[in-house]
Protein backbone atom coordinates (compact mmCIF):
# COMPACT_ATOMS: atom_id res chain seq x y z
CA MET A 1 -14.33 79.57 40.76
CA LYS A 2 -15.44 78.10 43.97
CA ARG A 3 -18.73 78.35 45.29
CA SER A 4 -19.28 80.78 48.04
CA ILE A 5 -20.59 81.22 51.65
CA PHE A 6 -22.97 83.01 51.23
CA SER A 7 -24.40 81.22 48.18
CA LEU A 8 -24.90 78.33 50.52
CA LEU A 9 -27.14 80.44 52.56
CA PHE A 10 -29.88 80.06 50.28
CA ALA A 11 -29.72 76.32 50.13
CA LEU A 12 -29.66 75.90 54.24
CA VAL A 13 -32.37 75.19 56.06
CA LEU A 14 -32.85 77.98 58.76
CA LEU A 15 -32.19 76.24 62.14
CA ALA A 16 -35.03 75.09 64.41
CA ALA A 17 -33.92 77.09 67.35
CA CYS A 18 -34.27 80.06 65.54
CA GLU A 19 -37.95 79.03 64.83
CA LYS A 20 -38.38 79.09 68.87
CA LYS A 21 -37.16 82.32 69.19
CA ASN A 22 -40.29 84.59 68.02
CA PRO A 23 -40.32 87.95 69.90
CA GLU A 24 -42.28 88.45 72.65
CA PRO A 25 -43.34 92.01 74.03
CA GLU A 26 -40.96 92.23 76.44
CA VAL A 27 -37.86 91.33 74.29
CA ASN A 28 -36.18 94.50 72.62
CA PRO A 29 -36.54 94.00 68.87
CA VAL A 30 -33.02 95.07 68.86
CA ARG A 31 -31.80 92.31 70.90
CA PHE A 32 -33.94 89.75 69.97
CA TYR A 33 -33.06 90.54 66.11
CA SER A 34 -29.14 90.71 66.30
CA ASN A 35 -29.18 87.36 68.67
CA THR A 36 -30.88 85.36 66.26
CA PHE A 37 -29.05 86.61 63.23
CA ALA A 38 -25.87 86.12 65.28
CA TYR A 39 -26.62 82.49 66.89
CA ASN A 40 -27.82 81.19 63.32
CA VAL A 41 -24.80 82.38 61.61
CA MET A 42 -22.26 80.79 64.48
CA SER A 43 -24.09 77.68 64.56
CA THR A 44 -24.24 76.89 60.65
CA TYR A 45 -20.93 78.45 59.58
CA TYR A 46 -18.30 78.93 62.01
CA LEU A 47 -15.49 76.74 61.95
CA TRP A 48 -15.07 76.07 65.60
CA LYS A 49 -18.73 75.37 66.26
CA ASP A 50 -18.72 72.16 67.59
CA GLU A 51 -15.54 73.15 70.00
CA VAL A 52 -18.17 75.82 71.30
CA ASP A 53 -21.34 74.07 71.21
CA SER A 54 -21.76 74.72 75.29
CA GLN A 55 -21.66 78.19 74.66
CA LEU A 56 -23.57 78.15 71.51
CA ASN A 57 -26.37 76.24 73.28
CA SER A 58 -26.55 78.60 76.16
CA TRP A 59 -27.45 81.39 73.63
CA SER A 60 -30.53 83.22 74.30
CA VAL A 61 -32.36 86.25 72.96
CA ASN A 62 -31.59 88.48 75.92
CA GLU A 63 -27.98 88.39 75.64
CA ASP A 64 -25.89 91.52 74.56
CA ALA A 65 -25.12 90.01 70.84
CA VAL A 66 -21.74 91.47 70.58
CA ALA A 67 -20.33 90.43 73.70
CA LYS A 68 -21.82 87.20 73.76
CA VAL A 69 -19.99 86.15 70.31
CA GLU A 70 -16.76 87.47 71.59
CA SER A 71 -17.64 85.23 74.52
CA SER A 72 -18.52 82.12 72.60
CA ARG A 73 -15.23 82.19 70.32
CA TYR A 74 -12.92 79.71 70.46
CA SER A 75 -9.78 80.10 72.20
CA ALA A 76 -7.42 80.26 68.75
CA ASP A 77 -9.89 82.82 67.25
CA LYS A 78 -9.14 86.27 67.62
CA TRP A 79 -11.31 87.99 64.72
CA THR A 80 -15.01 86.72 64.24
CA LYS A 81 -16.45 89.94 65.62
CA LEU A 82 -20.43 91.10 65.60
CA TYR A 83 -20.35 94.72 64.32
CA GLU A 84 -23.53 97.31 65.15
CA ASP A 85 -21.73 99.15 61.67
CA TYR A 86 -19.33 97.03 59.91
CA SER A 87 -19.09 99.83 57.30
CA GLY A 88 -15.43 100.23 58.44
CA PHE A 89 -14.62 97.10 58.38
CA GLU A 90 -16.13 96.50 55.16
CA SER A 91 -14.23 99.86 54.17
CA SER A 92 -10.61 97.82 55.34
CA VAL A 93 -11.58 94.71 52.71
CA THR A 94 -12.79 96.79 49.79
CA GLY A 95 -10.17 99.73 50.03
CA ASN A 96 -13.10 102.07 49.40
CA GLY A 97 -13.99 104.42 52.04
CA LYS A 98 -13.53 107.71 53.82
CA SER A 99 -9.38 107.73 54.77
CA PHE A 100 -6.44 109.73 55.39
CA GLY A 101 -4.99 107.62 52.77
CA LEU A 102 -1.91 106.84 55.44
CA ASN A 103 -0.37 103.99 57.19
CA ILE A 104 1.77 103.68 60.24
CA SER A 105 4.04 101.85 62.59
CA LEU A 106 4.33 102.84 66.01
CA PHE A 107 7.51 102.58 68.23
CA TRP A 108 8.64 103.67 71.88
CA ALA A 109 10.18 106.91 72.13
CA ASP A 110 11.82 106.18 75.30
CA GLU A 111 14.33 103.74 77.06
CA ALA A 112 11.96 103.98 80.06
CA ARG A 113 9.14 103.34 77.55
CA THR A 114 6.39 105.81 78.89
CA ARG A 115 5.80 107.27 75.68
CA ILE A 116 4.98 105.97 71.81
CA VAL A 117 5.43 107.72 68.85
CA ALA A 118 4.10 106.94 65.22
CA ALA A 119 6.51 106.69 61.83
CA VAL A 120 4.78 106.96 58.33
CA ASN A 121 5.40 103.84 56.31
CA TYR A 122 3.86 105.29 53.32
CA THR A 123 0.78 107.05 51.69
CA TYR A 124 -1.86 106.28 49.19
CA GLU A 125 -1.87 108.35 46.17
CA GLY A 126 -3.92 111.03 45.87
CA GLY A 127 -5.10 111.24 49.73
CA PRO A 128 -4.86 113.92 52.14
CA ALA A 129 -1.50 112.13 53.96
CA GLN A 130 0.37 112.81 50.39
CA LYS A 131 -1.19 116.19 49.70
CA ALA A 132 -0.35 117.22 52.96
CA GLU A 133 3.25 116.03 51.64
CA LEU A 134 3.38 113.26 54.50
CA ARG A 135 6.66 110.67 53.86
CA ARG A 136 7.98 107.56 54.80
CA GLY A 137 9.65 108.15 58.03
CA ASP A 138 8.01 111.37 59.10
CA ILE A 139 7.37 111.17 63.32
CA ILE A 140 3.99 111.59 64.51
CA LEU A 141 4.36 113.02 68.50
CA SER A 142 0.65 113.79 69.04
CA ILE A 143 -3.02 113.29 68.03
CA ASP A 144 -5.21 115.46 68.15
CA GLY A 145 -3.15 117.39 71.20
CA GLN A 146 -2.59 113.93 72.91
CA GLU A 147 0.71 112.13 73.12
CA MET A 148 0.78 108.28 73.16
CA THR A 149 1.49 105.78 76.37
CA LYS A 150 1.01 102.49 76.52
CA ASP A 151 -2.22 103.16 77.87
CA ASN A 152 -4.00 105.21 75.22
CA TYR A 153 -2.13 104.17 71.85
CA VAL A 154 -4.49 101.82 70.44
CA ALA A 155 -7.94 104.66 70.82
CA LEU A 156 -5.32 107.56 69.24
CA ALA A 157 -3.86 105.49 66.83
CA GLY A 158 -7.30 103.97 65.69
CA LYS A 159 -8.05 107.69 64.96
CA LEU A 160 -6.26 107.47 61.99
CA TYR A 161 -8.38 105.20 60.21
CA GLU A 162 -11.81 105.87 61.26
CA GLY A 163 -12.01 108.81 58.74
CA GLY A 164 -13.34 112.32 60.02
CA SER A 165 -10.77 114.73 61.36
CA VAL A 166 -7.49 114.76 63.02
CA THR A 167 -4.74 117.22 63.80
CA LEU A 168 -0.91 115.57 63.61
CA GLY A 169 1.73 117.27 66.01
CA PHE A 170 5.08 115.76 64.26
CA LEU A 171 9.18 115.54 65.07
CA GLY A 172 10.39 119.29 64.30
CA GLY A 173 7.41 121.24 65.40
CA ARG A 174 4.83 120.98 62.16
CA SER A 175 1.41 120.44 62.78
CA ILE A 176 -1.18 119.78 60.06
CA SER A 177 -4.89 118.67 60.02
CA LEU A 178 -6.17 116.21 57.81
CA ASP A 179 -9.77 115.48 56.77
CA ALA A 180 -10.56 111.93 55.60
CA VAL A 181 -12.20 111.70 52.13
CA GLN A 182 -13.97 109.23 50.28
CA MET A 183 -11.53 107.41 48.31
CA TYR A 184 -10.03 104.04 47.16
CA GLU A 185 -6.36 103.10 48.56
CA ASN A 186 -4.80 101.54 45.56
CA PRO A 187 -2.86 98.53 47.24
CA VAL A 188 -0.68 98.59 44.04
CA GLN A 189 1.47 100.81 46.02
CA LEU A 190 5.02 100.57 43.89
CA ALA A 191 6.03 98.46 40.84
CA LEU A 192 9.65 98.77 39.39
CA THR A 193 12.41 96.53 37.77
CA PHE A 194 15.74 96.85 38.18
CA GLU A 195 19.47 94.66 38.01
CA ASN A 196 21.33 94.00 40.66
CA GLY A 197 24.11 91.63 40.72
CA GLY A 198 23.54 90.86 36.87
CA LYS A 199 19.83 89.13 37.37
CA LYS A 200 16.62 91.43 36.32
CA TYR A 201 14.47 91.93 39.36
CA GLY A 202 10.83 93.13 39.66
CA TYR A 203 9.72 94.70 43.27
CA LEU A 204 6.00 95.10 44.08
CA HIS A 205 4.21 96.77 46.92
CA PHE A 206 1.56 95.69 47.53
CA THR A 207 -1.08 96.54 50.62
CA ASN A 208 -4.36 94.49 50.26
CA PHE A 209 -6.21 91.88 48.03
CA THR A 210 -8.86 94.09 47.01
CA LEU A 211 -10.91 92.93 43.99
CA ASP A 212 -9.88 96.37 42.06
CA ALA A 213 -6.72 95.34 42.44
CA CYS A 214 -7.00 92.28 39.88
CA LYS A 215 -6.64 94.74 36.79
CA ASP A 216 -3.94 96.49 38.02
CA LEU A 217 -2.13 93.63 38.66
CA GLU A 218 -2.27 92.17 35.30
CA ASN A 219 -1.05 95.70 34.53
CA VAL A 220 2.23 95.41 36.37
CA PHE A 221 2.78 91.77 35.36
CA ARG A 222 2.36 92.37 32.13
CA ALA A 223 5.50 94.55 32.39
CA PHE A 224 7.12 92.53 34.19
CA LYS A 225 6.88 90.33 31.23
CA ASP A 226 7.74 92.44 29.03
CA GLU A 227 10.98 93.66 31.01
CA GLY A 228 11.91 89.91 31.30
CA ILE A 229 12.45 89.69 35.01
CA ARG A 230 14.19 86.33 36.18
CA GLU A 231 13.53 86.90 40.14
CA LEU A 232 10.56 88.73 41.75
CA ILE A 233 10.20 90.71 45.27
CA LEU A 234 6.93 90.98 46.78
CA ASP A 235 6.68 93.34 49.52
CA LEU A 236 3.59 92.11 51.65
CA ARG A 237 5.27 93.90 54.97
CA TYR A 238 1.71 96.10 55.46
CA ASN A 239 -0.30 93.50 54.13
CA GLY A 240 -2.88 92.42 56.35
CA GLY A 241 -5.09 90.83 54.30
CA GLY A 242 -8.17 90.75 51.73
CA TYR A 243 -10.33 88.48 49.51
CA ALA A 244 -8.91 85.01 48.90
CA PHE A 245 -10.17 85.48 45.04
CA THR A 246 -7.45 87.84 44.45
CA SER A 247 -4.81 86.22 46.38
CA ASN A 248 -5.54 83.17 43.73
CA VAL A 249 -5.10 85.33 41.17
CA LEU A 250 -1.84 86.61 42.08
CA ALA A 251 -0.47 83.38 42.79
CA SER A 252 -1.69 82.28 39.19
CA MET A 253 0.63 85.31 37.47
CA ILE A 254 3.58 83.85 39.93
CA ALA A 255 3.49 80.28 39.96
CA PRO A 256 5.56 77.97 36.91
CA ALA A 257 3.32 78.08 34.21
CA GLU A 258 2.94 74.47 34.04
CA VAL A 259 1.53 74.53 37.15
CA VAL A 260 -1.03 77.16 36.19
CA LYS A 261 -2.15 75.12 32.98
CA ALA A 262 -2.17 71.88 34.99
CA LYS A 263 -4.62 73.69 37.24
CA LYS A 264 -3.12 72.46 40.21
CA VAL A 265 -4.37 73.13 43.95
CA PHE A 266 -3.50 76.34 45.03
CA ASN A 267 -5.51 75.92 48.81
CA ARG A 268 -7.45 73.34 50.27
CA ASP A 269 -9.86 74.64 53.00
CA VAL A 270 -11.26 72.99 55.80
CA TYR A 271 -14.42 73.86 56.93
CA ASN A 272 -17.09 72.20 59.71
CA ASP A 273 -18.68 69.04 59.45
CA LEU A 274 -22.21 70.93 58.65
CA ILE A 275 -21.10 73.08 55.38
CA GLY A 276 -18.24 71.29 54.44
CA GLU A 277 -19.55 68.22 52.29
CA LYS A 278 -21.77 71.24 50.71
CA LEU A 279 -18.57 73.61 49.97
CA ASP A 280 -15.73 73.30 46.99
CA SER A 281 -12.62 72.46 49.45
CA GLU A 282 -9.80 73.10 47.12
CA THR A 283 -9.01 76.72 45.46
CA ARG A 284 -7.01 75.53 42.08
CA PHE A 285 -4.55 77.84 39.82
CA SER A 286 -6.32 79.15 36.68
CA GLU A 287 -5.20 80.93 33.34
CA GLU A 288 -8.22 83.46 33.49
CA PHE A 289 -10.54 84.60 36.11
CA SER A 290 -13.51 86.41 36.25
CA TYR A 291 -15.12 88.59 38.53
CA THR A 292 -17.26 91.74 39.28
CA SER A 293 -15.36 95.07 40.46
CA SER A 294 -16.61 97.02 43.14
CA ALA A 295 -18.41 99.08 40.86
CA GLY A 296 -20.66 96.05 39.16
CA ASN A 297 -18.37 95.94 36.05
CA LYS A 298 -17.74 92.32 34.61
CA MET A 299 -13.90 91.77 34.52
CA THR A 300 -11.93 89.31 33.02
CA VAL A 301 -7.95 88.85 34.45
CA LYS A 302 -5.92 86.56 32.02
CA ALA A 303 -3.24 85.79 34.67
CA LEU A 304 -1.07 83.32 32.35
CA ASP A 305 -0.85 85.43 29.70
CA VAL A 306 0.67 87.84 31.60
CA ASN A 307 2.87 85.41 33.67
CA PRO A 308 6.12 86.66 33.44
CA GLY A 309 8.03 83.21 34.36
CA VAL A 310 10.41 83.97 37.71
CA SER A 311 12.69 81.42 38.72
CA ARG A 312 12.53 82.84 42.42
CA LEU A 313 10.26 84.65 44.91
CA TRP A 314 11.36 86.97 47.45
CA VAL A 315 8.45 87.94 49.93
CA ILE A 316 9.51 90.89 52.65
CA VAL A 317 7.40 90.15 55.47
CA SER A 318 6.29 91.19 59.10
CA GLY A 319 4.37 90.51 61.81
CA ASN A 320 1.66 92.52 60.05
CA THR A 321 1.69 90.20 57.16
CA ALA A 322 -1.62 88.35 57.40
CA SER A 323 -4.17 86.16 56.16
CA ALA A 324 -4.39 86.19 52.77
CA SER A 325 -0.67 87.25 52.53
CA GLU A 326 0.05 84.20 54.30
CA ALA A 327 -2.25 81.79 52.56
CA LEU A 328 -0.01 82.95 49.13
CA ILE A 329 2.75 82.16 50.55
CA CYS A 330 1.46 78.83 51.81
CA GLY A 331 0.14 77.98 48.46
CA LEU A 332 2.93 78.75 46.48
CA LYS A 333 5.95 77.58 48.64
CA PRO A 334 5.09 73.53 47.09
CA TYR A 335 5.30 74.75 43.89
CA MET A 336 8.57 77.10 43.28
CA ASP A 337 11.46 78.52 45.23
CA VAL A 338 10.20 80.80 47.89
CA THR A 339 12.18 82.97 50.23
CA LEU A 340 10.90 84.97 53.26
CA VAL A 341 13.07 87.97 54.33
CA GLY A 342 11.82 89.83 57.53
CA GLN A 343 10.04 88.82 60.78
CA THR A 344 7.56 86.17 61.43
CA THR A 345 3.89 86.49 59.97
CA TYR A 346 0.77 87.32 61.88
CA GLY A 347 -0.77 83.85 62.24
CA LYS A 348 -4.19 84.23 61.10
CA PHE A 349 -4.38 80.80 59.38
CA CYS A 350 -7.86 81.06 58.71
CA GLY A 351 -10.28 83.09 56.50
CA GLY A 352 -14.30 84.54 57.26
CA ASN A 353 -16.73 85.73 55.48
CA LEU A 354 -18.54 89.26 56.08
CA ILE A 355 -21.97 88.79 56.41
CA SER A 356 -24.52 91.75 56.65
CA ALA A 357 -27.85 91.36 58.47
CA ALA A 358 -30.02 92.62 55.69
CA ASP A 359 -28.58 89.75 53.27
CA TRP A 360 -28.88 87.40 56.16
CA PHE A 361 -32.59 88.12 56.78
CA ASP A 362 -33.00 88.41 52.81
CA SER A 363 -31.85 85.12 52.19
CA VAL A 364 -34.22 83.45 55.13
CA LYS A 365 -37.21 85.00 53.73
CA LYS A 366 -36.33 83.45 49.80
CA SER A 367 -35.19 79.99 51.14
CA ASN A 368 -37.34 79.35 53.42
CA PRO A 369 -40.95 81.33 52.70
CA SER A 370 -43.08 79.83 55.37
CA THR A 371 -40.68 80.60 58.24
CA THR A 372 -42.66 82.44 61.57
CA LEU A 373 -39.67 84.55 61.24
CA ASP A 374 -40.44 88.38 60.74
CA CYS A 375 -37.46 89.04 58.34
CA ASP A 376 -38.51 92.49 57.41
CA ALA A 377 -38.80 93.51 60.90
CA GLY A 378 -35.01 92.05 61.78
CA LYS A 379 -33.59 94.26 58.70
CA ALA A 380 -35.22 97.24 60.27
CA ALA A 381 -33.94 96.45 63.37
CA LEU A 382 -30.42 96.03 62.53
CA PRO A 383 -29.37 98.84 60.04
CA GLY A 384 -25.68 98.35 59.39
CA TRP A 385 -24.90 95.43 61.17
CA GLY A 386 -22.99 92.47 60.19
CA ILE A 387 -20.80 89.84 61.53
CA TYR A 388 -17.16 88.89 60.72
CA VAL A 389 -17.19 85.06 61.20
CA ILE A 390 -14.37 82.64 60.81
CA THR A 391 -15.61 79.73 58.29
CA SER A 392 -12.56 77.77 57.23
CA ARG A 393 -8.80 77.20 57.90
CA TYR A 394 -6.55 76.88 54.78
CA ALA A 395 -3.82 75.06 54.12
CA ASP A 396 -1.42 74.00 50.88
CA CYS A 397 -1.80 71.23 48.16
CA ASN A 398 -0.46 68.63 50.67
CA GLY A 399 -2.63 69.75 53.75
CA VAL A 400 -0.18 71.84 55.53
CA THR A 401 -1.04 75.03 57.36
CA LEU A 402 2.30 77.06 57.40
CA SER A 403 1.07 79.85 59.35
CA MET A 404 -0.82 77.54 62.24
CA PRO A 405 -0.91 78.23 64.95
CA ALA A 406 1.61 81.47 64.97
CA GLY A 407 2.68 82.69 62.08
CA ILE A 408 5.22 81.85 59.24
CA PRO A 409 9.17 82.11 60.34
CA ALA A 410 11.45 84.06 57.79
CA ASP A 411 14.28 82.63 55.98
CA ILE A 412 16.33 85.60 56.57
CA ALA A 413 15.88 87.81 59.73
CA ALA A 414 15.51 91.68 58.78
CA GLN A 415 13.68 94.28 60.97
CA ASP A 416 11.48 97.02 59.17
CA ASN A 417 12.80 100.46 59.55
CA PRO A 418 10.55 103.26 58.40
CA LEU A 419 13.11 105.15 60.14
CA ASP A 420 16.13 104.56 57.75
CA GLY A 421 16.11 107.42 55.59
CA PHE A 422 15.69 105.82 52.45
CA GLU A 423 11.98 105.50 50.53
CA LEU A 424 10.24 102.29 49.46
CA GLY A 425 11.91 100.58 46.57
CA THR A 426 15.06 102.24 47.02
CA LEU A 427 17.87 99.70 46.99
CA ALA A 428 19.23 100.84 49.82
CA GLU A 429 16.31 100.34 51.93
CA THR A 430 16.55 98.23 54.82
CA MET A 431 14.10 95.49 53.76
CA LEU A 432 15.16 95.55 50.10
CA SER A 433 18.39 95.61 51.05
CA ALA A 434 18.19 92.43 53.11
CA VAL A 435 16.85 90.80 50.01
CA LEU A 436 19.69 91.93 47.91
CA GLY A 437 22.37 90.63 50.54
CA ASN A 438 23.60 94.01 51.35
CA THR A 439 23.72 95.98 54.77
CA LYS A 440 24.32 99.62 54.02
CA ALA A 441 20.94 100.54 55.60
CA PRO A 442 21.05 100.69 59.59
CA ALA A 443 18.49 98.34 61.74
CA ALA A 444 16.02 99.95 63.78
CA SER A 445 17.64 101.15 66.83
CA ILE A 446 14.21 101.54 68.76
CA PRO A 447 11.72 98.51 69.25
CA MET A 448 8.45 98.81 67.34
CA ILE A 449 5.31 98.06 68.84
CA PRO A 450 3.10 95.39 67.17
CA TYR A 451 -0.29 97.43 66.02
CA HIS A 452 -2.70 96.20 63.66
CA LYS A 453 -5.07 98.52 61.06
CA PRO A 454 -8.39 97.42 62.05
CA GLY A 455 -10.03 94.61 60.46
CA PHE A 456 -9.02 91.75 58.15
CA GLY A 457 -9.96 90.50 55.03
CA VAL A 458 -12.49 88.18 53.85
CA LEU A 459 -11.70 84.84 52.50
CA LEU A 460 -14.47 84.24 49.92
CA HIS A 461 -16.43 86.46 47.47
């Protein structure tokens, strides 16, 4: 298991620039400590730190640290961000948080493109949306009494991922109110087997690479192996990423057994020059994985034992397929027959780390006991703060990053259509039908609007 970025925090010496930035009475403590934290993380771990050297050198303790991080990003980076409260982002990675248990796509509601509607893609087991009997294809016309337009849709749609309470108005006149609950959004949404054209298929709709998904994936693939599937359809059309560790686990359940046994390279990682030589640059397939669950339990997954030995992998993709999903595709393609069905993927060709301010100040205090930085004061000034920082670019075993710069093109073009009248896993559903070579399901007749659930997952754990 590769050494994480965070363990490296204890090995690196705090940058000298930080030592020069001791607080003065007139400096607001939040400004001082947020800039100290953000500057040092960016100037140590940021993948493109050399490319943004001038922005880093102009940093001062009087900056608006959130804005400074954004303005200092490399041109290709849309993801590095400093959060005053990173709990929402963290929830999107772990799958644990306050949620309605709902996922949507957005569409133009008229030819003039003045109004926008949301279509339900799916709901999570046991969540408020499922209990309210929302189903794939239900059309949301209003959120908290407001119709969506090109000017307000980002804020209104965002309410569906923020927790709290919301009132939804549906096509047909139905109106419901939902209260978010603390829940785990299990990303193993649907797993089934079926025969078609004389072949035995396994189908898995998977929505997030959480750590806690690893055991569920083991159970699913054990069933796939017992059923004797020969081809696997992996539905990642709504999967925006997650932990690279889980991507490696899943890849080791899918790749040819001889590849897993030989522990061949799954992904190569490229870091900045400062930390690159201190970190392992390769992730390898493995027969067995050990990790700690979100509940703190030590877990083991035996990937090779449940590997069904599929001869072909189909991956359903869209513009929402990102990060760890793209890394999985990238890492498997050199070793097996992989066919992508759908639209070009999102194009997040890099991975990052979520680092909390509290943990960073603790690591500084532990690794450099003689520091003049008041780390306890820093923790007190920045409760809940954290930064998601891009730390590496992934590539396949040959050094190729398929998703750079603008995503991985589909081999077979098909447009997701939650309005086609079919549930996910139904053979006539638009995307599954495209995999099987059928044309029974109608294509979407109105254009979909790119919209991404806030947050992307972390590369390392």
